[in-house]
C-alpha atoms as a PDB file:
ATOM      1  CA  MET A   1     -16.239 -25.242   4.035  1.00  0.00           C
ATOM      2  CA  ARG A   2     -13.396 -27.388   3.817  1.00  0.00           C
ATOM      3  CA  ARG A   3     -11.867 -25.745   0.787  1.00  0.00           C
ATOM      4  CA  THR A   4     -12.590 -22.292   2.691  1.00  0.00           C
ATOM      5  CA  ILE A   5     -11.140 -23.783   5.828  1.00  0.00           C
ATOM      6  CA  ALA A   6      -8.097 -25.033   3.743  1.00  0.00           C
ATOM      7  CA  ALA A   7      -7.534 -21.561   2.095  1.00  0.00           C
ATOM      8  CA  VAL A   8      -7.507 -19.662   4.996  1.00  0.00           C
ATOM      9  CA  LEU A   9      -4.793 -22.089   6.893  1.00  0.00           C
ATOM     10  CA  CYS A  10      -2.563 -21.934   3.172  1.00  0.00           C
ATOM     11  CA  THR A  11      -3.025 -18.134   3.500  1.00  0.00           C
ATOM     12  CA  LEU A  12      -2.043 -18.474   7.215  1.00  0.00           C
ATOM     13  CA  LEU A  13       1.133 -20.464   6.744  1.00  0.00           C
ATOM     14  CA  LEU A  14       2.000 -18.385   3.843  1.00  0.00           C
ATOM     15  CA  ALA A  15       1.972 -15.008   5.527  1.00  0.00           C
ATOM     16  CA  ALA A  16       3.640 -16.039   8.527  1.00  0.00           C
ATOM     17  CA  PRO A  17       7.284 -15.795   7.345  1.00  0.00           C
ATOM     18  CA  ALA A  18       6.619 -12.483   6.464  1.00  0.00           C
ATOM     19  CA  GLY A  19       5.186 -10.768   9.503  1.00  0.00           C
ATOM     20  CA  ALA A  20       8.201 -12.971  11.682  1.00  0.00           C
ATOM     21  CA  GLU A  21      10.835 -11.090  13.411  1.00  0.00           C
ATOM     22  CA  THR A  22      14.767 -11.374  11.157  1.00  0.00           C
ATOM     23  CA  LEU A  23      17.598 -11.138  13.187  1.00  0.00           C
ATOM     24  CA  LEU A  24      20.466  -9.843  11.710  1.00  0.00           C
ATOM     25  CA  VAL A  25      24.241 -10.566  12.461  1.00  0.00           C
ATOM     26  CA  GLY A  26      27.478  -8.773  11.037  1.00  0.00           C
ATOM     27  CA  ASN A  27      30.119 -11.164  11.101  1.00  0.00           C
ATOM     28  CA  LYS A  28      33.446  -8.948  11.288  1.00  0.00           C
ATOM     29  CA  GLY A  29      35.515 -12.138  10.974  1.00  0.00           C
ATOM     30  CA  GLU A  30      34.575 -13.633   7.656  1.00  0.00           C
ATOM     31  CA  ASP A  31      32.733 -10.388   5.761  1.00  0.00           C
ATOM     32  CA  THR A  32      29.307 -11.851   5.551  1.00  0.00           C
ATOM     33  CA  LEU A  33      25.655 -10.709   7.301  1.00  0.00           C
ATOM     34  CA  SER A  34      23.700 -13.540   9.289  1.00  0.00           C
ATOM     35  CA  VAL A  35      19.910 -13.922   8.606  1.00  0.00           C
ATOM     36  CA  ILE A  36      18.367 -15.496  10.959  1.00  0.00           C
ATOM     37  CA  ALA A  37      14.494 -16.308  12.005  1.00  0.00           C
ATOM     38  CA  LEU A  38      14.284 -14.912  15.204  1.00  0.00           C
ATOM     39  CA  ALA A  39      11.613 -17.340  16.947  1.00  0.00           C
ATOM     40  CA  SER A  40      13.647 -20.549  15.958  1.00  0.00           C
ATOM     41  CA  GLY A  41      16.986 -18.936  15.440  1.00  0.00           C
ATOM     42  CA  GLU A  42      17.635 -20.787  11.961  1.00  0.00           C
ATOM     43  CA  GLU A  43      20.206 -19.237   9.731  1.00  0.00           C
ATOM     44  CA  LEU A  44      17.951 -18.386   6.568  1.00  0.00           C
ATOM     45  CA  ALA A  45      20.994 -16.958   4.755  1.00  0.00           C
ATOM     46  CA  ARG A  46      24.630 -16.045   5.086  1.00  0.00           C
ATOM     47  CA  LEU A  47      25.161 -13.041   2.580  1.00  0.00           C
ATOM     48  CA  PRO A  48      28.358 -11.635   1.448  1.00  0.00           C
ATOM     49  CA  THR A  49      29.186  -8.141   2.903  1.00  0.00           C
ATOM     50  CA  GLY A  50      32.160  -5.306   2.884  1.00  0.00           C
ATOM     51  CA  LYS A  51      35.285  -6.145   4.582  1.00  0.00           C
ATOM     52  CA  MET A  52      34.852  -5.997   8.378  1.00  0.00           C
ATOM     53  CA  PRO A  53      31.217  -5.769   8.714  1.00  0.00           C
ATOM     54  CA  HIS A  54      30.233  -3.970  12.134  1.00  0.00           C
ATOM     55  CA  GLU A  55      26.714  -1.809  12.497  1.00  0.00           C
ATOM     56  CA  ILE A  56      23.351  -2.471  11.429  1.00  0.00           C
ATOM     57  CA  ALA A  57      20.799   0.042  11.158  1.00  0.00           C
ATOM     58  CA  ILE A  58      17.218  -0.873   9.700  1.00  0.00           C
ATOM     59  CA  SER A  59      15.232   1.645   7.344  1.00  0.00           C
ATOM     60  CA  PRO A  60      12.214   3.167   8.842  1.00  0.00           C
ATOM     61  CA  ASP A  61       9.738   0.716   7.236  1.00  0.00           C
ATOM     62  CA  GLY A  62      11.725  -1.835   7.682  1.00  0.00           C
ATOM     63  CA  LYS A  63      12.230  -3.620   4.672  1.00  0.00           C
ATOM     64  CA  GLN A  64      15.590  -2.763   4.078  1.00  0.00           C
ATOM     65  CA  ALA A  65      19.373  -2.915   6.285  1.00  0.00           C
ATOM     66  CA  ALA A  66      22.183  -1.266   6.182  1.00  0.00           C
ATOM     67  CA  VAL A  67      25.927  -2.964   6.955  1.00  0.00           C
ATOM     68  CA  VAL A  68      29.383  -0.487   7.192  1.00  0.00           C
ATOM     69  CA  ALA A  69      32.192  -2.086   5.854  1.00  0.00           C
ATOM     70  CA  TYR A  70      34.544  -0.985   8.851  1.00  0.00           C
ATOM     71  CA  GLY A  71      37.672  -1.925   6.531  1.00  0.00           C
ATOM     72  CA  SER A  72      36.567  -0.233   3.447  1.00  0.00           C
ATOM     73  CA  THR A  73      34.705   3.340   2.755  1.00  0.00           C
ATOM     74  CA  THR A  74      30.925   1.597   1.871  1.00  0.00           C
ATOM     75  CA  ILE A  75      27.776   0.626   3.143  1.00  0.00           C
ATOM     76  CA  ASP A  76      25.927  -2.441   1.989  1.00  0.00           C
ATOM     77  CA  VAL A  77      22.342  -2.132   1.763  1.00  0.00           C
ATOM     78  CA  PHE A  78      20.356  -5.502   1.820  1.00  0.00           C
ATOM     79  CA  ASP A  79      16.384  -6.193   1.141  1.00  0.00           C
ATOM     80  CA  VAL A  80      15.594  -8.242   4.303  1.00  0.00           C
ATOM     81  CA  ALA A  81      12.689 -10.376   2.669  1.00  0.00           C
ATOM     82  CA  SER A  82      14.612 -11.319  -0.533  1.00  0.00           C
ATOM     83  CA  ARG A  83      17.733 -11.277   1.220  1.00  0.00           C
ATOM     84  CA  THR A  84      19.806  -9.543  -1.511  1.00  0.00           C
ATOM     85  CA  LYS A  85      21.890  -6.797  -1.539  1.00  0.00           C
ATOM     86  CA  VAL A  86      19.810  -3.763  -3.337  1.00  0.00           C
ATOM     87  CA  ARG A  87      22.670  -1.099  -3.539  1.00  0.00           C
ATOM     88  CA  THR A  88      26.125  -0.032  -2.152  1.00  0.00           C
ATOM     89  CA  ILE A  89      26.965   3.450  -1.163  1.00  0.00           C
ATOM     90  CA  ASP A  90      30.568   4.821  -1.476  1.00  0.00           C
ATOM     91  CA  LEU A  91      31.070   6.890   1.311  1.00  0.00           C
ATOM     92  CA  SER A  92      34.565   8.312   0.039  1.00  0.00           C
ATOM     93  CA  PRO A  93      36.339  10.100   0.624  1.00  0.00           C
ATOM     94  CA  ASN A  94      35.054   9.330   4.106  1.00  0.00           C
ATOM     95  CA  GLN A  95      37.070   6.371   5.589  1.00  0.00           C
ATOM     96  CA  ARG A  96      36.721   3.324   7.785  1.00  0.00           C
ATOM     97  CA  PRO A  97      32.528   3.536   8.608  1.00  0.00           C
ATOM     98  CA  HIS A  98      31.549   2.304  12.010  1.00  0.00           C
ATOM     99  CA  GLY A  99      28.468   3.301  14.089  1.00  0.00           C
ATOM    100  CA  LEU A 100      25.420   3.683  11.950  1.00  0.00           C
ATOM    101  CA  LEU A 101      22.047   4.752  12.282  1.00  0.00           C
ATOM    102  CA  TRP A 102      18.709   4.726   9.936  1.00  0.00           C
ATOM    103  CA  LEU A 103      17.189   7.978  10.504  1.00  0.00           C
ATOM    104  CA  SER A 104      13.029   7.924  10.585  1.00  0.00           C
ATOM    105  CA  ASP A 105      13.289  10.869   7.791  1.00  0.00           C
ATOM    106  CA  GLY A 106      15.242   8.608   5.857  1.00  0.00           C
ATOM    107  CA  ARG A 107      19.232   9.535   6.049  1.00  0.00           C
ATOM    108  CA  LEU A 108      21.790   7.193   6.835  1.00  0.00           C
ATOM    109  CA  VAL A 109      24.548   8.586   9.591  1.00  0.00           C
ATOM    110  CA  ALA A 110      27.576   6.876   9.922  1.00  0.00           C
ATOM    111  CA  THR A 111      30.882   7.678  12.157  1.00  0.00           C
ATOM    112  CA  THR A 112      33.651   7.531   9.617  1.00  0.00           C
ATOM    113  CA  GLU A 113      36.744   6.641  12.217  1.00  0.00           C
ATOM    114  CA  GLY A 114      39.292   6.922   9.322  1.00  0.00           C
ATOM    115  CA  SER A 115      39.022  10.453   8.650  1.00  0.00           C
ATOM    116  CA  GLU A 116      37.775  11.756  11.725  1.00  0.00           C
ATOM    117  CA  SER A 117      34.296  12.447  10.436  1.00  0.00           C
ATOM    118  CA  VAL A 118      30.554  11.654   9.657  1.00  0.00           C
ATOM    119  CA  ALA A 119      29.190  10.818   6.614  1.00  0.00           C
ATOM    120  CA  VAL A 120      25.026  11.669   6.266  1.00  0.00           C
ATOM    121  CA  VAL A 121      23.434  10.077   3.288  1.00  0.00           C
ATOM    122  CA  ALA A 122      20.477  11.644   2.448  1.00  0.00           C
ATOM    123  CA  PRO A 123      17.719   9.212   0.787  1.00  0.00           C
ATOM    124  CA  ASP A 124      18.748  10.782  -2.714  1.00  0.00           C
ATOM    125  CA  GLY A 125      22.647   9.128  -2.303  1.00  0.00           C
ATOM    126  CA  LYS A 126      24.169  12.364  -1.684  1.00  0.00           C
ATOM    127  CA  VAL A 127      26.875  12.463   0.738  1.00  0.00           C
ATOM    128  CA  THR A 128      27.687  14.895   2.995  1.00  0.00           C
ATOM    129  CA  SER A 129      30.842  15.097   5.419  1.00  0.00           C
ATOM    130  CA  ILE A 130      30.788  16.879   8.598  1.00  0.00           C
ATOM    131  CA  SER A 131      34.154  16.929  10.588  1.00  0.00           C
ATOM    132  CA  THR A 132      35.026  15.686  14.338  1.00  0.00           C
ATOM    133  CA  GLY A 133      38.558  16.714  13.933  1.00  0.00           C
ATOM    134  CA  GLN A 134      39.063  14.050  16.538  1.00  0.00           C
ATOM    135  CA  LYS A 135      40.751  10.462  17.037  1.00  0.00           C
ATOM    136  CA  GLY A 136      39.281   7.814  16.943  1.00  0.00           C
ATOM    137  CA  THR A 137      35.276   8.794  15.936  1.00  0.00           C
ATOM    138  CA  HIS A 138      33.675   5.113  16.381  1.00  0.00           C
ATOM    139  CA  MET A 139      30.075   5.527  17.685  1.00  0.00           C
ATOM    140  CA  ILE A 140      27.070   7.796  17.279  1.00  0.00           C
ATOM    141  CA  VAL A 141      23.597   8.396  18.569  1.00  0.00           C
ATOM    142  CA  VAL A 142      20.772  11.257  17.790  1.00  0.00           C
ATOM    143  CA  ALA A 143      18.479  13.099  19.626  1.00  0.00           C
ATOM    144  CA  PRO A 144      15.077  12.661  18.507  1.00  0.00           C
ATOM    145  CA  ASP A 145      14.910  15.630  17.007  1.00  0.00           C
ATOM    146  CA  ASN A 146      16.870  13.920  13.824  1.00  0.00           C
ATOM    147  CA  ARG A 147      19.406  17.231  14.156  1.00  0.00           C
ATOM    148  CA  THR A 148      21.837  16.697  17.201  1.00  0.00           C
ATOM    149  CA  ALA A 149      24.568  14.068  17.120  1.00  0.00           C
ATOM    150  CA  TYR A 150      26.970  13.006  19.701  1.00  0.00           C
ATOM    151  CA  THR A 151      29.744  10.754  18.236  1.00  0.00           C
ATOM    152  CA  ALA A 152      32.458   8.812  20.957  1.00  0.00           C
ATOM    153  CA  ASN A 153      35.709   9.959  19.819  1.00  0.00           C
ATOM    154  CA  ILE A 154      37.958   6.744  21.700  1.00  0.00           C
ATOM    155  CA  ALA A 155      41.560   8.358  21.220  1.00  0.00           C
ATOM    156  CA  ALA A 156      40.512  11.735  21.534  1.00  0.00           C
ATOM    157  CA  GLY A 157      38.615  10.768  25.050  1.00  0.00           C
ATOM    158  CA  THR A 158      35.897  13.158  23.654  1.00  0.00           C
ATOM    159  CA  VAL A 159      32.212  12.857  22.457  1.00  0.00           C
ATOM    160  CA  SER A 160      31.856  15.513  19.715  1.00  0.00           C
ATOM    161  CA  VAL A 161      28.173  17.182  19.159  1.00  0.00           C
ATOM    162  CA  LEU A 162      27.083  17.594  15.497  1.00  0.00           C
ATOM    163  CA  ASP A 163      24.493  19.460  13.685  1.00  0.00           C
ATOM    164  CA  LEU A 164      23.057  17.350  10.749  1.00  0.00           C
ATOM    165  CA  LYS A 165      21.316  20.131   9.370  1.00  0.00           C
ATOM    166  CA  THR A 166      23.785  23.232   9.283  1.00  0.00           C
ATOM    167  CA  ALA A 167      26.749  19.730   8.917  1.00  0.00           C
ATOM    168  CA  LYS A 168      28.674  21.682  11.395  1.00  0.00           C
ATOM    169  CA  LYS A 169      30.335  20.815  14.808  1.00  0.00           C
ATOM    170  CA  LEU A 170      29.097  22.310  17.671  1.00  0.00           C
ATOM    171  CA  ARG A 171      31.526  21.723  20.296  1.00  0.00           C
ATOM    172  CA  ASP A 172      33.349  18.417  22.218  1.00  0.00           C
ATOM    173  CA  PHE A 173      32.646  17.339  25.573  1.00  0.00           C
ATOM    174  CA  ALA A 174      36.005  16.568  27.374  1.00  0.00           C
ATOM    175  CA  VAL A 175      34.608  12.962  28.970  1.00  0.00           C
ATOM    176  CA  GLY A 176      37.986  11.737  29.453  1.00  0.00           C
ATOM    177  CA  GLY A 177      39.059   8.474  29.245  1.00  0.00           C
ATOM    178  CA  LYS A 178      38.536   6.353  26.176  1.00  0.00           C
ATOM    179  CA  PRO A 179      34.586   6.888  25.353  1.00  0.00           C
ATOM    180  CA  GLU A 180      33.247   4.112  23.076  1.00  0.00           C
ATOM    181  CA  GLY A 181      29.814   3.663  24.000  1.00  0.00           C
ATOM    182  CA  LEU A 182      27.187   5.819  24.226  1.00  0.00           C
ATOM    183  CA  THR A 183      23.393   6.687  24.375  1.00  0.00           C
ATOM    184  CA  LEU A 184      20.674   9.310  24.948  1.00  0.00           C
ATOM    185  CA  THR A 185      17.930   9.207  28.101  1.00  0.00           C
ATOM    186  CA  LYS A 186      14.973  11.191  28.818  1.00  0.00           C
ATOM    187  CA  GLY A 187      14.293  12.791  25.281  1.00  0.00           C
ATOM    188  CA  GLY A 188      17.726  13.587  24.457  1.00  0.00           C
ATOM    189  CA  ARG A 189      18.486  15.483  27.751  1.00  0.00           C
ATOM    190  CA  GLU A 190      21.183  13.490  29.345  1.00  0.00           C
ATOM    191  CA  LEU A 191      23.794  11.499  27.288  1.00  0.00           C
ATOM    192  CA  TRP A 192      25.247   8.262  29.157  1.00  0.00           C
ATOM    193  CA  VAL A 193      28.897   7.097  28.328  1.00  0.00           C
ATOM    194  CA  GLY A 194      31.060   4.653  28.652  1.00  0.00           C
ATOM    195  CA  ASP A 195      34.750   4.401  29.297  1.00  0.00           C
ATOM    196  CA  LEU A 196      37.087   1.479  27.732  1.00  0.00           C
ATOM    197  CA  ASP A 197      39.839   2.934  30.094  1.00  0.00           C
ATOM    198  CA  ALA A 198      37.755   2.819  33.346  1.00  0.00           C
ATOM    199  CA  PRO A 199      35.025   1.087  35.384  1.00  0.00           C
ATOM    200  CA  ARG A 200      32.401   3.457  34.790  1.00  0.00           C
ATOM    201  CA  VAL A 201      29.394   4.947  32.849  1.00  0.00           C
ATOM    202  CA  SER A 202      28.929   8.677  33.095  1.00  0.00           C
ATOM    203  CA  ILE A 203      26.127  10.966  32.677  1.00  0.00           C
ATOM    204  CA  TRP A 204      25.726  14.489  30.893  1.00  0.00           C
ATOM    205  CA  ASP A 205      23.593  17.009  30.832  1.00  0.00           C
ATOM    206  CA  THR A 206      23.463  17.877  26.693  1.00  0.00           C
ATOM    207  CA  ALA A 207      22.385  21.633  27.312  1.00  0.00           C
ATOM    208  CA  LYS A 208      24.876  22.484  29.556  1.00  0.00           C
ATOM    209  CA  GLY A 209      27.825  19.979  28.580  1.00  0.00           C
ATOM    210  CA  GLU A 210      28.614  18.930  32.106  1.00  0.00           C
ATOM    211  CA  LYS A 211      28.981  15.767  33.901  1.00  0.00           C
ATOM    212  CA  ILE A 212      26.331  15.497  36.365  1.00  0.00           C
ATOM    213  CA  ALA A 213      26.453  11.252  37.688  1.00  0.00           C
ATOM    214  CA  GLU A 214      28.887   8.771  37.478  1.00  0.00           C
ATOM    215  CA  GLN A 215      28.233   4.643  37.703  1.00  0.00           C
ATOM    216  CA  PRO A 216      30.428   2.064  38.598  1.00  0.00           C
ATOM    217  CA  VAL A 217      30.001  -1.234  36.288  1.00  0.00           C
ATOM    218  CA  ASP A 218      32.210  -4.310  35.683  1.00  0.00           C
ATOM    219  CA  PRO A 219      35.094  -3.294  33.864  1.00  0.00           C
ATOM    220  CA  VAL A 220      34.528  -2.319  31.087  1.00  0.00           C
ATOM    221  CA  ALA A 221      31.158  -0.802  29.366  1.00  0.00           C
ATOM    222  CA  ILE A 222      32.070  -1.062  25.864  1.00  0.00           C
ATOM    223  CA  ARG A 223      28.351  -0.576  24.699  1.00  0.00           C
ATOM    224  CA  VAL A 224      25.467   1.950  26.393  1.00  0.00           C
ATOM    225  CA  LEU A 225      22.221   1.382  25.576  1.00  0.00           C
ATOM    226  CA  ALA A 226      18.659   2.839  26.571  1.00  0.00           C
ATOM    227  CA  SER A 227      15.754   0.362  26.391  1.00  0.00           C
ATOM    228  CA  PRO A 228      12.986   1.661  24.058  1.00  0.00           C
ATOM    229  CA  ASP A 229      10.376   2.240  26.785  1.00  0.00           C
ATOM    230  CA  GLY A 230      13.113   4.543  28.181  1.00  0.00           C
ATOM    231  CA  LYS A 231      13.130   3.071  31.295  1.00  0.00           C
ATOM    232  CA  LEU A 232      16.106   1.250  31.397  1.00  0.00           C
ATOM    233  CA  VAL A 233      20.053   1.633  30.624  1.00  0.00           C
ATOM    234  CA  ALA A 234      22.245  -1.439  29.719  1.00  0.00           C
ATOM    235  CA  THR A 235      26.029  -1.700  29.288  1.00  0.00           C
ATOM    236  CA  SER A 236      27.501  -4.238  27.906  1.00  0.00           C
ATOM    237  CA  ASN A 237      30.879  -5.065  30.007  1.00  0.00           C
ATOM    238  CA  ILE A 238      33.247  -7.011  27.767  1.00  0.00           C
ATOM    239  CA  ALA A 239      36.099  -7.628  30.579  1.00  0.00           C
ATOM    240  CA  ALA A 240      33.384  -9.290  32.549  1.00  0.00           C
ATOM    241  CA  GLY A 241      30.808 -10.706  30.336  1.00  0.00           C
ATOM    242  CA  THR A 242      27.943  -9.264  31.845  1.00  0.00           C
ATOM    243  CA  ILE A 243      24.981  -6.813  31.513  1.00  0.00           C
ATOM    244  CA  SER A 244      24.745  -3.818  34.258  1.00  0.00           C
ATOM    245  CA  LEU A 245      21.346  -2.430  33.890  1.00  0.00           C
ATOM    246  CA  PHE A 246      20.488   0.816  35.422  1.00  0.00           C
ATOM    247  CA  ASP A 247      17.002   3.437  36.047  1.00  0.00           C
ATOM    248  CA  ALA A 248      17.501   5.747  33.602  1.00  0.00           C
ATOM    249  CA  GLU A 249      15.358   8.241  35.286  1.00  0.00           C
ATOM    250  CA  THR A 250      16.959   8.011  38.826  1.00  0.00           C
ATOM    251  CA  ARG A 251      20.275   6.509  37.335  1.00  0.00           C
ATOM    252  CA  ALA A 252      20.499   4.198  40.194  1.00  0.00           C
ATOM    253  CA  PRO A 253      21.520   0.345  39.437  1.00  0.00           C
ATOM    254  CA  VAL A 254      18.807  -2.018  38.933  1.00  0.00           C
ATOM    255  CA  ARG A 255      20.759  -5.475  38.807  1.00  0.00           C
ATOM    256  CA  THR A 256      24.188  -6.790  37.174  1.00  0.00           C
ATOM    257  CA  ILE A 257      23.279  -9.883  34.858  1.00  0.00           C
ATOM    258  CA  ASN A 258      25.716 -12.690  34.167  1.00  0.00           C
ATOM    259  CA  VAL A 259      26.029 -13.352  30.509  1.00  0.00           C
ATOM    260  CA  SER A 260      29.070 -15.250  30.423  1.00  0.00           C
ATOM    261  CA  GLY A 261      31.226 -13.954  33.125  1.00  0.00           C
ATOM    262  CA  GLU A 262      33.934 -14.564  30.687  1.00  0.00           C
ATOM    263  CA  ALA A 263      36.534 -11.747  29.331  1.00  0.00           C
ATOM    264  CA  ALA A 264      36.814 -14.857  26.622  1.00  0.00           C
ATOM    265  CA  LYS A 265      33.403 -14.858  24.815  1.00  0.00           C
ATOM    266  CA  GLY A 266      34.406 -11.238  23.859  1.00  0.00           C
ATOM    267  CA  GLN A 267      30.829  -9.569  24.413  1.00  0.00           C
ATOM    268  CA  VAL A 268      30.141  -6.374  22.881  1.00  0.00           C
ATOM    269  CA  THR A 269      27.057  -5.364  20.884  1.00  0.00           C
ATOM    270  CA  LEU A 270      23.508  -5.135  22.888  1.00  0.00           C
ATOM    271  CA  LEU A 271      20.269  -5.040  20.997  1.00  0.00           C
ATOM    272  CA  PHE A 272      17.137  -4.501  23.135  1.00  0.00           C
ATOM    273  CA  SER A 273      13.535  -6.471  21.495  1.00  0.00           C
ATOM    274  CA  ALA A 274      10.689  -3.785  20.855  1.00  0.00           C
ATOM    275  CA  ASP A 275       8.993  -4.025  23.779  1.00  0.00           C
ATOM    276  CA  SER A 276      12.230  -3.403  25.906  1.00  0.00           C
ATOM    277  CA  LYS A 277      11.335  -7.232  27.197  1.00  0.00           C
ATOM    278  CA  ARG A 278      15.096  -9.037  25.828  1.00  0.00           C
ATOM    279  CA  LEU A 279      18.297  -8.069  25.284  1.00  0.00           C
ATOM    280  CA  TYR A 280      20.548  -9.360  22.769  1.00  0.00           C
ATOM    281  CA  ALA A 281      24.270  -9.392  23.559  1.00  0.00           C
ATOM    282  CA  ALA A 282      27.190 -10.497  20.795  1.00  0.00           C
ATOM    283  CA  GLU A 283      29.349 -12.286  22.277  1.00  0.00           C
ATOM    284  CA  THR A 284      32.206 -12.487  19.520  1.00  0.00           C
ATOM    285  CA  GLY A 285      34.359 -14.728  21.014  1.00  0.00           C
ATOM    286  CA  HIS A 286      32.298 -17.578  20.058  1.00  0.00           C
ATOM    287  CA  ASP A 287      30.289 -16.686  17.574  1.00  0.00           C
ATOM    288  CA  LYS A 288      26.804 -16.651  19.222  1.00  0.00           C
ATOM    289  CA  VAL A 289      24.335 -14.458  20.537  1.00  0.00           C
ATOM    290  CA  ALA A 290      22.924 -14.611  23.769  1.00  0.00           C
ATOM    291  CA  GLU A 291      18.792 -13.942  23.991  1.00  0.00           C
ATOM    292  CA  ILE A 292      18.385 -12.443  27.935  1.00  0.00           C
ATOM    293  CA  ASP A 293      14.956 -11.908  29.790  1.00  0.00           C
ATOM    294  CA  VAL A 294      15.482  -8.585  30.993  1.00  0.00           C
ATOM    295  CA  ALA A 295      13.237  -9.016  33.866  1.00  0.00           C
ATOM    296  CA  SER A 296      14.550 -12.140  35.294  1.00  0.00           C
ATOM    297  CA  GLY A 297      18.097 -11.885  34.054  1.00  0.00           C
ATOM    298  CA  GLN A 298      18.022 -15.319  32.603  1.00  0.00           C
ATOM    299  CA  VAL A 299      19.790 -16.040  29.718  1.00  0.00           C
ATOM    300  CA  LEU A 300      17.496 -18.089  27.342  1.00  0.00           C
ATOM    301  CA  ARG A 301      19.364 -19.734  24.704  1.00  0.00           C
ATOM    302  CA  ARG A 302      22.242 -18.852  22.300  1.00  0.00           C
ATOM    303  CA  ILE A 303      21.915 -18.505  18.433  1.00  0.00           C
ATOM    304  CA  ALA A 304      24.571 -19.327  16.228  1.00  0.00           C
ATOM    305  CA  ALA A 305      26.058 -16.649  13.791  1.00  0.00           C
ATOM    306  CA  GLY A 306      29.144 -16.569  11.697  1.00  0.00           C
ATOM    307  CA  LYS A 307      32.583 -15.894  12.802  1.00  0.00           C
ATOM    308  CA  ASN A 308      33.124 -12.752  15.317  1.00  0.00           C
ATOM    309  CA  GLY A 309      29.526 -11.887  14.556  1.00  0.00           C
ATOM    310  CA  ASP A 310      29.293  -8.101  16.407  1.00  0.00           C
ATOM    311  CA  GLY A 311      26.790  -5.662  14.900  1.00  0.00           C
ATOM    312  CA  LEU A 312      23.367  -6.650  15.353  1.00  0.00           C
ATOM    313  CA  ALA A 313      19.797  -5.406  14.267  1.00  0.00           C
ATOM    314  CA  ILE A 314      16.260  -7.058  13.921  1.00  0.00           C
ATOM    315  CA  ALA A 315      14.190  -6.518  11.182  1.00  0.00           C
ATOM    316  CA  PRO A 316      10.055  -6.698  12.150  1.00  0.00           C
END
């Protein structure tokens, strides 16, 4: 009996790390990826990446992480469990990849700002380019159909609408200002767009291409993110060190969360936990990631990362 109990305990202990969540942070100031045990906050590894790693995307099976090299033309793909790089994808002639998504059908979709385009990487490695023809193509979101994509074009003041199936641009929304952060709500029917030039987030009807609402935020919303449960929209307000929360259905403000309250902390990327109960905010100015309880707005802890840690992802 003792041997049986000991064997069971040993099995549970060995299995625990494999089931634990892993926080990944792209350290754009030192060209590395921090691999962190989320439960303890312990950094398990720091891996070399391409130049200026930014956004990170997790594979549909949760086993791999893709990291863009904003200062280059590549995407690095890592095995999360073994903490090793498994391949590097060259997107050339596309340049300066930034926004990144790993779709449920296995495709990687990245904005490539330096070439005013979006690169789509098929599971077999084939790269397709879609021109936006807009300056500053920086962030991207894709509708639930895995077909319609929206890119924020900072310098152009537009959002481009792309058809990923036909690899063509459909139209541009003239949103004005300097749009960067954006997210979709209501099954892709509404698009929320932040503005680096004004203290606002605007909401657009994606079918009509018309602005239907606007809400004020602490200046300015550098990232906009919908919660996985579809109930909330969060904005990362870099100039104030705060997060604004909105009701995704009514678009009404819910609360403002004071994270650091300091512009110097350089708060950029936001990430919700899978259950929508936690928010993670990359504070690039002091190499930390703040973990926030969504219900109370309390900052629970700060997790150390590398220099200028920005892009965030959680592997299950």
